[in-house]
Amino acid sequence: MDIKEIRKLSSADLKKKIIETKEELFTKRMQQANGTLEHPTELKTLRKNVAKMKTILRERELEEANK
């Protein structure tokens, strides 16, 4: 997910997307533990996407606090 796409989402949508991505990450971790994960780099990508989304949420929180 691109940072521009993330910034277009509303805060509520962003929170939902974080939850969905964390669930997907959990599923991928279970697949890795079972040895059925085909692309291990997906874990890294999902973790980075969650971090990007949390960063955008935090930026929005700080903007609201400074107003």
PDB file of N, CA and C in Angstrom:
ATOM      1  N   MET A   1       0.848  -1.173   0.000  1.00  0.00           N
ATOM      2  CA  MET A   1       0.000   0.000   0.000  1.00  0.00           C
ATOM      3  C   MET A   1       0.895   1.237   0.000  1.00  0.00           C
ATOM      4  N   ASP A   2       0.574   2.150  -0.879  1.00  0.00           N
ATOM      5  CA  ASP A   2       1.357   3.363  -1.043  1.00  0.00           C
ATOM      6  C   ASP A   2       0.936   4.403  -0.004  1.00  0.00           C
ATOM      7  N   ILE A   3       1.860   5.258   0.372  1.00  0.00           N
ATOM      8  CA  ILE A   3       1.593   6.267   1.400  1.00  0.00           C
ATOM      9  C   ILE A   3       0.511   7.247   0.942  1.00  0.00           C
ATOM     10  N   LYS A   4       0.443   7.524  -0.365  1.00  0.00           N
ATOM     11  CA  LYS A   4      -0.594   8.417  -0.884  1.00  0.00           C
ATOM     12  C   LYS A   4      -1.975   7.803  -0.705  1.00  0.00           C
ATOM     13  N   GLU A   5      -2.072   6.500  -0.924  1.00  0.00           N
ATOM     14  CA  GLU A   5      -3.340   5.805  -0.737  1.00  0.00           C
ATOM     15  C   GLU A   5      -3.752   5.838   0.731  1.00  0.00           C
ATOM     16  N   ILE A   6      -2.792   5.681   1.615  1.00  0.00           N
ATOM     17  CA  ILE A   6      -3.075   5.681   3.044  1.00  0.00           C
ATOM     18  C   ILE A   6      -3.575   7.051   3.487  1.00  0.00           C
ATOM     19  N   ARG A   7      -2.972   8.101   2.999  1.00  0.00           N
ATOM     20  CA  ARG A   7      -3.364   9.460   3.396  1.00  0.00           C
ATOM     21  C   ARG A   7      -4.771   9.819   2.914  1.00  0.00           C
ATOM     22  N   LYS A   8      -5.238   9.180   1.837  1.00  0.00           N
ATOM     23  CA  LYS A   8      -6.576   9.456   1.321  1.00  0.00           C
ATOM     24  C   LYS A   8      -7.671   8.865   2.207  1.00  0.00           C
ATOM     25  N   LEU A   9      -7.336   7.854   2.998  1.00  0.00           N
ATOM     26  CA  LEU A   9      -8.322   7.194   3.845  1.00  0.00           C
ATOM     27  C   LEU A   9      -8.689   8.072   5.044  1.00  0.00           C
ATOM     28  N   SER A  10      -9.924   7.953   5.483  1.00  0.00           N
ATOM     29  CA  SER A  10     -10.329   8.666   6.692  1.00  0.00           C
ATOM     30  C   SER A  10      -9.739   7.939   7.898  1.00  0.00           C
ATOM     31  N   SER A  11      -9.782   8.581   9.036  1.00  0.00           N
ATOM     32  CA  SER A  11      -9.212   7.982  10.244  1.00  0.00           C
ATOM     33  C   SER A  11      -9.940   6.695  10.625  1.00  0.00           C
ATOM     34  N   ALA A  12     -11.247   6.670  10.476  1.00  0.00           N
ATOM     35  CA  ALA A  12     -12.016   5.461  10.803  1.00  0.00           C
ATOM     36  C   ALA A  12     -11.652   4.323   9.857  1.00  0.00           C
ATOM     37  N   ASP A  13     -11.561   4.644   8.562  1.00  0.00           N
ATOM     38  CA  ASP A  13     -11.171   3.625   7.588  1.00  0.00           C
ATOM     39  C   ASP A  13      -9.756   3.134   7.849  1.00  0.00           C
ATOM     40  N   LEU A  14      -8.909   4.040   8.260  1.00  0.00           N
ATOM     41  CA  LEU A  14      -7.519   3.697   8.538  1.00  0.00           C
ATOM     42  C   LEU A  14      -7.426   2.732   9.720  1.00  0.00           C
ATOM     43  N   LYS A  15      -8.221   2.969  10.744  1.00  0.00           N
ATOM     44  CA  LYS A  15      -8.235   2.072  11.903  1.00  0.00           C
ATOM     45  C   LYS A  15      -8.725   0.682  11.505  1.00  0.00           C
ATOM     46  N   LYS A  16      -9.754   0.624  10.661  1.00  0.00           N
ATOM     47  CA  LYS A  16     -10.261  -0.652  10.176  1.00  0.00           C
ATOM     48  C   LYS A  16      -9.194  -1.378   9.357  1.00  0.00           C
ATOM     49  N   LYS A  17      -8.500  -0.622   8.529  1.00  0.00           N
ATOM     50  CA  LYS A  17      -7.459  -1.206   7.676  1.00  0.00           C
ATOM     51  C   LYS A  17      -6.313  -1.757   8.523  1.00  0.00           C
ATOM     52  N   ILE A  18      -5.970  -1.069   9.609  1.00  0.00           N
ATOM     53  CA  ILE A  18      -4.915  -1.554  10.512  1.00  0.00           C
ATOM     54  C   ILE A  18      -5.327  -2.894  11.115  1.00  0.00           C
ATOM     55  N   ILE A  19      -6.570  -2.983  11.556  1.00  0.00           N
ATOM     56  CA  ILE A  19      -7.055  -4.236  12.150  1.00  0.00           C
ATOM     57  C   ILE A  19      -7.016  -5.363  11.128  1.00  0.00           C
ATOM     58  N   GLU A  20      -7.470  -5.079   9.906  1.00  0.00           N
ATOM     59  CA  GLU A  20      -7.460  -6.097   8.851  1.00  0.00           C
ATOM     60  C   GLU A  20      -6.040  -6.552   8.533  1.00  0.00           C
ATOM     61  N   THR A  21      -5.128  -5.611   8.467  1.00  0.00           N
ATOM     62  CA  THR A  21      -3.744  -5.935   8.137  1.00  0.00           C
ATOM     63  C   THR A  21      -3.095  -6.743   9.249  1.00  0.00           C
ATOM     64  N   LYS A  22      -3.407  -6.406  10.507  1.00  0.00           N
ATOM     65  CA  LYS A  22      -2.870  -7.183  11.628  1.00  0.00           C
ATOM     66  C   LYS A  22      -3.398  -8.610  11.614  1.00  0.00           C
ATOM     67  N   GLU A  23      -4.671  -8.776  11.263  1.00  0.00           N
ATOM     68  CA  GLU A  23      -5.239 -10.119  11.158  1.00  0.00           C
ATOM     69  C   GLU A  23      -4.547 -10.917  10.052  1.00  0.00           C
ATOM     70  N   GLU A  24      -4.309 -10.249   8.932  1.00  0.00           N
ATOM     71  CA  GLU A  24      -3.610 -10.901   7.823  1.00  0.00           C
ATOM     72  C   GLU A  24      -2.186 -11.272   8.230  1.00  0.00           C
ATOM     73  N   LEU A  25      -1.529 -10.384   8.969  1.00  0.00           N
ATOM     74  CA  LEU A  25      -0.177 -10.653   9.452  1.00  0.00           C
ATOM     75  C   LEU A  25      -0.161 -11.867  10.372  1.00  0.00           C
ATOM     76  N   PHE A  26      -1.162 -11.961  11.248  1.00  0.00           N
ATOM     77  CA  PHE A  26      -1.264 -13.107  12.139  1.00  0.00           C
ATOM     78  C   PHE A  26      -1.412 -14.403  11.339  1.00  0.00           C
ATOM     79  N   THR A  27      -2.265 -14.356  10.323  1.00  0.00           N
ATOM     80  CA  THR A  27      -2.470 -15.527   9.474  1.00  0.00           C
ATOM     81  C   THR A  27      -1.172 -15.933   8.784  1.00  0.00           C
ATOM     82  N   LYS A  28      -0.450 -14.954   8.281  1.00  0.00           N
ATOM     83  CA  LYS A  28       0.819 -15.241   7.597  1.00  0.00           C
ATOM     84  C   LYS A  28       1.843 -15.818   8.573  1.00  0.00           C
ATOM     85  N   ARG A  29       1.845 -15.325   9.814  1.00  0.00           N
ATOM     86  CA  ARG A  29       2.777 -15.869  10.815  1.00  0.00           C
ATOM     87  C   ARG A  29       2.457 -17.331  11.111  1.00  0.00           C
ATOM     88  N   MET A  30       1.181 -17.648  11.173  1.00  0.00           N
ATOM     89  CA  MET A  30       0.782 -19.045  11.401  1.00  0.00           C
ATOM     90  C   MET A  30       1.199 -19.919  10.220  1.00  0.00           C
ATOM     91  N   GLN A  31       1.050 -19.392   9.020  1.00  0.00           N
ATOM     92  CA  GLN A  31       1.480 -20.127   7.838  1.00  0.00           C
ATOM     93  C   GLN A  31       2.984 -20.359   7.864  1.00  0.00           C
ATOM     94  N   GLN A  32       3.726 -19.360   8.311  1.00  0.00           N
ATOM     95  CA  GLN A  32       5.175 -19.497   8.396  1.00  0.00           C
ATOM     96  C   GLN A  32       5.546 -20.562   9.426  1.00  0.00           C
ATOM     97  N   ALA A  33       4.842 -20.585  10.540  1.00  0.00           N
ATOM     98  CA  ALA A  33       5.118 -21.576  11.575  1.00  0.00           C
ATOM     99  C   ALA A  33       4.814 -22.986  11.079  1.00  0.00           C
ATOM    100  N   ASN A  34       3.795 -23.105  10.233  1.00  0.00           N
ATOM    101  CA  ASN A  34       3.433 -24.410   9.680  1.00  0.00           C
ATOM    102  C   ASN A  34       4.294 -24.794   8.486  1.00  0.00           C
ATOM    103  N   GLY A  35       5.022 -23.833   7.955  1.00  0.00           N
ATOM    104  CA  GLY A  35       5.869 -24.102   6.793  1.00  0.00           C
ATOM    105  C   GLY A  35       5.125 -24.006   5.477  1.00  0.00           C
ATOM    106  N   THR A  36       3.955 -23.359   5.471  1.00  0.00           N
ATOM    107  CA  THR A  36       3.165 -23.249   4.242  1.00  0.00           C
ATOM    108  C   THR A  36       3.213 -21.860   3.615  1.00  0.00           C
ATOM    109  N   LEU A  37       3.983 -20.957   4.178  1.00  0.00           N
ATOM    110  CA  LEU A  37       4.071 -19.598   3.638  1.00  0.00           C
ATOM    111  C   LEU A  37       4.980 -19.605   2.413  1.00  0.00           C
ATOM    112  N   GLU A  38       4.431 -19.158   1.272  1.00  0.00           N
ATOM    113  CA  GLU A  38       5.194 -19.189   0.029  1.00  0.00           C
ATOM    114  C   GLU A  38       6.156 -18.010  -0.106  1.00  0.00           C
ATOM    115  N   HIS A  39       5.729 -16.843   0.343  1.00  0.00           N
ATOM    116  CA  HIS A  39       6.543 -15.638   0.190  1.00  0.00           C
ATOM    117  C   HIS A  39       6.813 -15.018   1.561  1.00  0.00           C
ATOM    118  N   PRO A  40       7.926 -15.344   2.195  1.00  0.00           N
ATOM    119  CA  PRO A  40       8.222 -14.833   3.531  1.00  0.00           C
ATOM    120  C   PRO A  40       8.376 -13.308   3.588  1.00  0.00           C
ATOM    121  N   THR A  41       8.651 -12.679   2.465  1.00  0.00           N
ATOM    122  CA  THR A  41       8.811 -11.224   2.467  1.00  0.00           C
ATOM    123  C   THR A  41       7.490 -10.508   2.710  1.00  0.00           C
ATOM    124  N   GLU A  42       6.364 -11.222   2.581  1.00  0.00           N
ATOM    125  CA  GLU A  42       5.061 -10.621   2.850  1.00  0.00           C
ATOM    126  C   GLU A  42       4.960 -10.158   4.294  1.00  0.00           C
ATOM    127  N   LEU A  43       5.612 -10.871   5.211  1.00  0.00           N
ATOM    128  CA  LEU A  43       5.587 -10.486   6.621  1.00  0.00           C
ATOM    129  C   LEU A  43       6.191  -9.099   6.813  1.00  0.00           C
ATOM    130  N   LYS A  44       7.324  -8.883   6.193  1.00  0.00           N
ATOM    131  CA  LYS A  44       8.010  -7.597   6.307  1.00  0.00           C
ATOM    132  C   LYS A  44       7.147  -6.482   5.716  1.00  0.00           C
ATOM    133  N   THR A  45       6.545  -6.752   4.566  1.00  0.00           N
ATOM    134  CA  THR A  45       5.709  -5.755   3.908  1.00  0.00           C
ATOM    135  C   THR A  45       4.490  -5.408   4.754  1.00  0.00           C
ATOM    136  N   LEU A  46       3.858  -6.415   5.324  1.00  0.00           N
ATOM    137  CA  LEU A  46       2.683  -6.165   6.163  1.00  0.00           C
ATOM    138  C   LEU A  46       3.046  -5.371   7.409  1.00  0.00           C
ATOM    139  N   ARG A  47       4.171  -5.711   8.041  1.00  0.00           N
ATOM    140  CA  ARG A  47       4.601  -4.965   9.238  1.00  0.00           C
ATOM    141  C   ARG A  47       4.866  -3.509   8.887  1.00  0.00           C
ATOM    142  N   LYS A  48       5.497  -3.273   7.748  1.00  0.00           N
ATOM    143  CA  LYS A  48       5.783  -1.896   7.337  1.00  0.00           C
ATOM    144  C   LYS A  48       4.494  -1.131   7.031  1.00  0.00           C
ATOM    145  N   ASN A  49       3.527  -1.809   6.428  1.00  0.00           N
ATOM    146  CA  ASN A  49       2.254  -1.153   6.134  1.00  0.00           C
ATOM    147  C   ASN A  49       1.527  -0.750   7.410  1.00  0.00           C
ATOM    148  N   VAL A  50       1.559  -1.609   8.412  1.00  0.00           N
ATOM    149  CA  VAL A  50       0.936  -1.275   9.699  1.00  0.00           C
ATOM    150  C   VAL A  50       1.642  -0.066  10.310  1.00  0.00           C
ATOM    151  N   ALA A  51       2.950  -0.037  10.230  1.00  0.00           N
ATOM    152  CA  ALA A  51       3.713   1.086  10.782  1.00  0.00           C
ATOM    153  C   ALA A  51       3.378   2.384  10.055  1.00  0.00           C
ATOM    154  N   LYS A  52       3.245   2.328   8.740  1.00  0.00           N
ATOM    155  CA  LYS A  52       2.888   3.520   7.970  1.00  0.00           C
ATOM    156  C   LYS A  52       1.520   4.043   8.390  1.00  0.00           C
ATOM    157  N   MET A  53       0.569   3.121   8.521  1.00  0.00           N
ATOM    158  CA  MET A  53      -0.786   3.534   8.879  1.00  0.00           C
ATOM    159  C   MET A  53      -0.838   4.122  10.285  1.00  0.00           C
ATOM    160  N   LYS A  54      -0.109   3.529  11.211  1.00  0.00           N
ATOM    161  CA  LYS A  54      -0.073   4.063  12.576  1.00  0.00           C
ATOM    162  C   LYS A  54       0.599   5.426  12.608  1.00  0.00           C
ATOM    163  N   THR A  55       1.592   5.622  11.779  1.00  0.00           N
ATOM    164  CA  THR A  55       2.279   6.910  11.711  1.00  0.00           C
ATOM    165  C   THR A  55       1.332   7.994  11.218  1.00  0.00           C
ATOM    166  N   ILE A  56       0.562   7.690  10.192  1.00  0.00           N
ATOM    167  CA  ILE A  56      -0.395   8.660   9.660  1.00  0.00           C
ATOM    168  C   ILE A  56      -1.443   9.000  10.718  1.00  0.00           C
ATOM    169  N   LEU A  57      -1.939   7.991  11.436  1.00  0.00           N
ATOM    170  CA  LEU A  57      -2.907   8.250  12.512  1.00  0.00           C
ATOM    171  C   LEU A  57      -2.316   9.160  13.577  1.00  0.00           C
ATOM    172  N   ARG A  58      -1.083   8.890  13.945  1.00  0.00           N
ATOM    173  CA  ARG A  58      -0.429   9.711  14.982  1.00  0.00           C
ATOM    174  C   ARG A  58      -0.251  11.141  14.494  1.00  0.00           C
ATOM    175  N   GLU A  59       0.121  11.315  13.231  1.00  0.00           N
ATOM    176  CA  GLU A  59       0.266  12.663  12.682  1.00  0.00           C
ATOM    177  C   GLU A  59      -1.058  13.417  12.770  1.00  0.00           C
ATOM    178  N   ARG A  60      -2.136  12.732  12.446  1.00  0.00           N
ATOM    179  CA  ARG A  60      -3.460  13.365  12.511  1.00  0.00           C
ATOM    180  C   ARG A  60      -3.828  13.726  13.937  1.00  0.00           C
ATOM    181  N   GLU A  61      -3.501  12.862  14.886  1.00  0.00           N
ATOM    182  CA  GLU A  61      -3.775  13.158  16.293  1.00  0.00           C
ATOM    183  C   GLU A  61      -3.011  14.403  16.746  1.00  0.00           C
ATOM    184  N   LEU A  62      -1.747  14.500  16.347  1.00  0.00           N
ATOM    185  CA  LEU A  62      -0.950  15.662  16.723  1.00  0.00           C
ATOM    186  C   LEU A  62      -1.447  16.938  16.078  1.00  0.00           C
ATOM    187  N   GLU A  63      -1.930  16.854  14.830  1.00  0.00           N
ATOM    188  CA  GLU A  63      -2.482  18.024  14.175  1.00  0.00           C
ATOM    189  C   GLU A  63      -3.720  18.515  14.915  1.00  0.00           C
ATOM    190  N   GLU A  64      -4.559  17.581  15.344  1.00  0.00           N
ATOM    191  CA  GLU A  64      -5.768  17.964  16.083  1.00  0.00           C
ATOM    192  C   GLU A  64      -5.417  18.579  17.430  1.00  0.00           C
ATOM    193  N   ALA A  65      -4.379  18.079  18.070  1.00  0.00           N
ATOM    194  CA  ALA A  65      -3.969  18.596  19.367  1.00  0.00           C
ATOM    195  C   ALA A  65      -3.390  20.007  19.256  1.00  0.00           C
ATOM    196  N   ASN A  66      -2.779  20.308  18.134  1.00  0.00           N
ATOM    197  CA  ASN A  66      -2.144  21.611  17.941  1.00  0.00           C
ATOM    198  C   ASN A  66      -3.109  22.687  17.476  1.00  0.00           C
ATOM    199  N   LYS A  67      -4.326  22.317  17.141  1.00  0.00           N
ATOM    200  CA  LYS A  67      -5.286  23.312  16.645  1.00  0.00           C
ATOM    201  C   LYS A  67      -5.899  24.110  17.759  1.00  0.00           C
TER     202      LYS A  67
END
